[in-house]
């Protein structure tokens, strides 16, 4: 399963997956989860190396960083300054403001019907 589609989140690859990532339990299915080169706090990176030197997954949000402070150990001084702006703009994020947990099994049929309606049986990538 492509985790960035599952979690709709941006996260570093090459180091341990932070537990604040939505649906963190599914990372156990990722080969990197058990890879000793990647599953430590720093993984392939060095302390304070800067987020511009980190390989990231593709996603839509940086929730783990601006909510939980995940990966601060990889941030350099410029990143710390930029985080202040991220937190300001976070006020306008439409997707992470509700504390209500969605019952995935309850809404799953609705979204599966949309996929069935609008997507072909086989996708060409």
Protein backbone atom coordinates (compact mmCIF):
# COMPACT_ATOMS: atom_id res chain seq x y z
CA UNK A 1 0.00 0.00 0.00
CA UNK A 2 1.33 3.44 -0.87
CA UNK A 3 1.49 5.09 2.55
CA UNK A 4 1.41 8.67 1.34
CA UNK A 5 -2.01 7.94 -0.13
CA UNK A 6 -3.10 6.29 3.10
CA UNK A 7 -1.93 8.96 5.53
CA UNK A 8 -2.13 12.10 3.37
CA UNK A 9 0.93 13.36 5.11
CA UNK A 10 4.46 14.39 4.29
CA UNK A 11 7.18 12.68 6.25
CA UNK A 12 10.93 12.04 5.97
CA UNK A 13 12.14 8.77 4.51
CA UNK A 14 15.46 7.31 5.57
CA UNK A 15 14.79 7.58 9.31
CA UNK A 16 12.26 6.23 11.80
CA UNK A 17 8.62 7.06 11.09
CA UNK A 18 7.32 9.36 13.82
CA UNK A 19 4.41 7.96 15.83
CA UNK A 20 2.43 11.18 15.33
CA UNK A 21 1.87 10.30 11.66
CA UNK A 22 -1.76 9.41 11.03
CA UNK A 23 -2.26 5.61 10.84
CA UNK A 24 1.32 5.04 12.01
CA UNK A 25 0.57 1.35 12.61
CA UNK A 26 0.56 0.70 8.86
CA UNK A 27 4.22 1.60 8.58
CA UNK A 28 4.96 -1.88 9.92
CA UNK A 29 4.14 -3.07 6.39
CA UNK A 30 6.85 -0.81 4.95
CA UNK A 31 10.19 -2.53 4.29
CA UNK A 32 12.06 0.46 5.78
CA UNK A 33 10.31 -0.06 9.13
CA UNK A 34 12.57 -3.02 9.91
CA UNK A 35 15.65 -1.82 8.04
CA UNK A 36 18.35 -0.99 10.60
CA UNK A 37 19.81 1.67 8.29
CA UNK A 38 16.53 3.60 8.32
CA UNK A 39 14.57 2.80 11.47
CA UNK A 40 16.55 4.85 13.99
CA UNK A 41 15.92 8.44 15.10
CA UNK A 42 18.49 9.85 12.66
CA UNK A 43 18.59 7.01 10.14
CA UNK A 44 20.84 8.07 7.26
CA UNK A 45 20.94 11.71 8.44
CA UNK A 46 23.00 13.63 10.95
CA UNK A 47 21.68 15.78 13.78
CA UNK A 48 20.59 19.29 12.67
CA UNK A 49 21.37 18.52 9.02
CA UNK A 50 18.44 20.69 7.91
CA UNK A 51 15.13 19.77 6.32
CA UNK A 52 16.41 20.83 2.90
CA UNK A 53 18.78 17.84 3.10
CA UNK A 54 16.07 15.33 4.01
CA UNK A 55 14.36 13.11 1.45
CA UNK A 56 10.61 13.45 1.94
CA UNK A 57 7.63 11.39 0.92
CA UNK A 58 5.08 13.18 -1.18
CA UNK A 59 1.98 14.31 0.63
CA UNK A 60 -0.29 17.23 1.30
CA UNK A 61 0.48 18.31 4.84
CA UNK A 62 3.22 18.66 7.40
CA UNK A 63 0.98 17.84 10.36
CA UNK A 64 3.59 15.81 12.24
CA UNK A 65 5.96 18.75 12.24
CA UNK A 66 3.63 21.62 13.07
CA UNK A 67 1.43 19.74 15.56
CA UNK A 68 3.73 17.34 17.35
CA UNK A 69 7.15 18.80 16.78
CA UNK A 70 8.26 15.60 15.10
CA UNK A 71 11.66 15.64 13.40
CA UNK A 72 12.89 18.78 15.19
CA UNK A 73 16.14 16.90 15.78
CA UNK A 74 16.77 17.18 12.03
CA UNK A 75 16.01 20.92 11.80
CA UNK A 76 18.71 23.56 11.43
CA UNK A 77 18.35 27.23 12.48
CA UNK A 78 16.69 28.26 9.22
CA UNK A 79 14.14 25.44 9.60
CA UNK A 80 13.33 26.59 13.14
CA UNK A 81 12.64 30.10 11.82
CA UNK A 82 10.51 28.75 8.96
CA UNK A 83 8.52 26.60 11.38
CA UNK A 84 7.24 29.78 13.02
CA UNK A 85 5.67 30.76 9.68
CA UNK A 86 4.28 27.28 9.15
CA UNK A 87 2.53 27.56 12.50
CA UNK A 88 1.08 30.95 11.54
CA UNK A 89 -0.27 29.63 8.24
CA UNK A 90 -1.52 26.47 9.93
CA UNK A 91 -4.47 28.50 11.23
CA UNK A 92 -5.82 28.44 7.69
CA UNK A 93 -5.37 24.71 7.06
CA UNK A 94 -8.80 23.31 6.27
CA UNK A 95 -8.00 19.67 6.83
CA UNK A 96 -6.63 19.28 10.32
CA UNK A 97 -8.86 21.38 12.55
CA UNK A 98 -11.33 18.80 13.82
CA UNK A 99 -10.60 16.64 16.84
CA UNK A 100 -13.41 14.30 15.81
CA UNK A 101 -12.07 10.95 14.66
CA UNK A 102 -13.72 9.72 11.48
CA UNK A 103 -15.11 6.19 11.59
CA UNK A 104 -13.28 4.88 8.53
CA UNK A 105 -15.42 1.75 8.23
CA UNK A 106 -18.57 3.86 8.26
CA UNK A 107 -17.48 6.20 5.45
CA UNK A 108 -15.55 3.59 3.46
CA UNK A 109 -18.51 2.45 1.28
CA UNK A 110 -19.18 6.03 0.21
CA UNK A 111 -15.60 6.66 -0.88
CA UNK A 112 -15.26 3.26 -2.53
CA UNK A 113 -18.38 4.04 -4.58
CA UNK A 114 -16.79 7.31 -5.74
CA UNK A 115 -13.62 5.48 -6.74
CA UNK A 116 -15.64 2.89 -8.60
CA UNK A 117 -17.64 5.62 -10.36
CA UNK A 118 -14.79 7.93 -11.37
CA UNK A 119 -11.74 5.69 -11.73
CA UNK A 120 -11.16 2.96 -14.27
CA UNK A 121 -10.66 -0.59 -13.02
CA UNK A 122 -6.99 -0.37 -13.96
CA UNK A 123 -4.90 2.78 -13.63
CA UNK A 124 -2.01 3.53 -15.96
CA UNK A 125 0.88 5.22 -14.12
